[in-house]
Amino acid sequence: MNKGNWGKIRAFFDLQTEDGFTLKGFKLVEGINGLFVGFPSQKGSDEEYHDTVWADRDVKEQVNQLAIKTYGQEVMATPPGMENNDFPPPPSEMADTPVAAPFSDEDVPF
């Protein structure tokens, strides 16, 4: 995962299947409802971007969860000596904190 800040894009990454296929060009995007994965796409002659990889809802959700988890682990890594300083409480202490509802393809504005 290549993290950065390119407008709304927070990371680029590739996926490798259990069968050894590598799918390149995924993006982790900061949307209005939080992070989501943008699948690989190419610009067409109509100047619009069209997906080049398709997946059903279950696979998309699995990719979303995996990417967000991987991004979060890399982002939330605690520097040595900062274990309890300026970091949010662990999830066990946030039991009463409301959690955002999961989003679907209909929530994506494009």
Protein backbone atom coordinates (compact mmCIF):
# COMPACT_ATOMS: atom_id res chain seq x y z
CA MET A 1 0.00 0.00 0.00
CA ASN A 2 1.39 3.35 -1.08
CA LYS A 3 -0.03 5.96 1.31
CA GLY A 4 -0.20 9.67 0.60
CA ASN A 5 -2.57 12.54 0.09
CA TRP A 6 -3.60 13.11 -3.53
CA GLY A 7 -6.80 15.12 -3.22
CA LYS A 8 -9.35 12.63 -1.91
CA ILE A 9 -7.12 9.61 -2.58
CA ARG A 10 -5.36 8.34 0.56
CA ALA A 11 -3.58 5.28 -0.85
CA PHE A 12 -2.92 3.19 -3.95
CA PHE A 13 -2.60 -0.58 -3.71
CA ASP A 14 -2.60 -3.84 -5.65
CA LEU A 15 -4.29 -7.13 -4.74
CA GLN A 16 -2.97 -10.64 -5.28
CA THR A 17 -5.44 -13.52 -5.44
CA GLU A 18 -4.87 -16.95 -3.92
CA ASP A 19 -4.37 -18.21 -7.49
CA GLY A 20 -1.46 -15.79 -8.03
CA PHE A 21 -3.20 -13.13 -10.13
CA THR A 22 -2.24 -9.55 -9.32
CA LEU A 23 -4.87 -6.85 -9.83
CA LYS A 24 -3.25 -3.43 -10.03
CA GLY A 25 -4.62 0.07 -9.61
CA PHE A 26 -6.92 0.08 -6.57
CA LYS A 27 -7.39 3.36 -4.71
CA LEU A 28 -8.45 4.09 -1.13
CA VAL A 29 -10.62 7.21 -1.34
CA GLU A 30 -11.88 9.59 1.37
CA GLY A 31 -15.58 10.03 0.56
CA ILE A 32 -18.37 11.88 2.34
CA ASN A 33 -19.17 8.72 4.35
CA GLY A 34 -15.57 7.72 5.10
CA LEU A 35 -13.01 5.59 3.31
CA PHE A 36 -13.93 3.32 0.39
CA VAL A 37 -12.06 1.44 -2.32
CA GLY A 38 -12.10 2.68 -5.89
CA PHE A 39 -11.58 -0.18 -8.32
CA PRO A 40 -9.08 0.12 -11.20
CA SER A 41 -10.37 2.24 -14.08
CA GLN A 42 -9.33 3.82 -17.37
CA LYS A 43 -10.36 7.04 -19.06
CA GLY A 44 -12.52 6.37 -22.11
CA SER A 45 -12.86 8.33 -25.35
CA ASP A 46 -15.87 10.03 -23.72
CA GLU A 47 -13.49 11.51 -21.09
CA GLU A 48 -15.26 9.45 -18.37
CA TYR A 49 -13.54 6.85 -16.21
CA HIS A 50 -14.74 3.25 -16.57
CA ASP A 51 -13.94 0.38 -14.19
CA THR A 52 -11.65 -2.30 -15.60
CA VAL A 53 -12.24 -4.77 -12.73
CA TRP A 54 -15.72 -5.81 -11.58
CA ALA A 55 -16.81 -7.61 -8.42
CA ASP A 56 -20.06 -8.44 -6.66
CA ARG A 57 -21.09 -6.66 -3.45
CA ASP A 58 -19.62 -9.30 -1.15
CA VAL A 59 -16.20 -9.14 -2.78
CA LYS A 60 -16.28 -5.32 -2.85
CA GLU A 61 -17.09 -5.27 0.87
CA GLN A 62 -14.25 -7.71 1.59
CA VAL A 63 -11.82 -5.54 -0.39
CA ASN A 64 -13.09 -2.42 1.42
CA GLN A 65 -12.64 -4.00 4.85
CA LEU A 66 -9.19 -5.39 4.03
CA ALA A 67 -7.95 -2.09 2.59
CA ILE A 68 -9.31 0.03 5.44
CA LYS A 69 -7.89 -2.38 8.02
CA THR A 70 -4.47 -2.40 6.34
CA TYR A 71 -4.49 1.40 5.97
CA GLY A 72 -5.58 1.82 9.59
CA GLN A 73 -2.87 -0.50 10.89
CA GLU A 74 -0.25 1.47 9.01
CA VAL A 75 -1.68 4.86 9.97
CA MET A 76 -2.45 4.01 13.59
CA ALA A 77 0.94 2.43 14.32
CA THR A 78 2.06 3.78 17.68
CA PRO A 79 5.53 5.33 17.73
CA PRO A 80 7.84 4.06 20.50
CA GLY A 81 7.35 5.99 23.74
CA MET A 82 3.89 7.29 22.70
CA GLU A 83 1.78 4.32 23.79
CA ASN A 84 -0.79 6.34 25.80
CA ASN A 85 -0.24 9.91 24.63
CA ASP A 86 -2.75 11.76 22.42
CA PHE A 87 -4.33 8.65 20.94
CA PRO A 88 -8.02 7.77 21.06
CA PRO A 89 -9.12 5.17 23.61
CA PRO A 90 -9.19 1.54 22.52
CA PRO A 91 -12.50 0.21 21.13
CA SER A 92 -13.30 -1.59 24.40
CA GLU A 93 -13.48 1.82 26.14
CA MET A 94 -15.66 3.30 23.39
CA ALA A 95 -18.62 0.92 23.75
CA ASP A 96 -21.16 3.78 23.97
CA THR A 97 -19.70 5.72 21.04
CA PRO A 98 -21.99 5.66 17.98
CA VAL A 99 -20.57 3.92 14.93
CA ALA A 100 -21.19 5.12 11.39
CA ALA A 101 -23.53 2.97 9.35
CA PRO A 102 -21.88 0.90 6.62
CA PHE A 103 -22.09 2.37 3.15
CA SER A 104 -23.00 0.79 -0.15
CA ASP A 105 -22.39 1.45 -3.86
CA GLU A 106 -25.41 3.77 -3.88
CA ASP A 107 -23.58 6.10 -1.46
CA VAL A 108 -20.69 6.69 -3.88
CA PRO A 109 -21.28 10.00 -5.68
CA PHE A 110 -19.79 8.83 -9.00
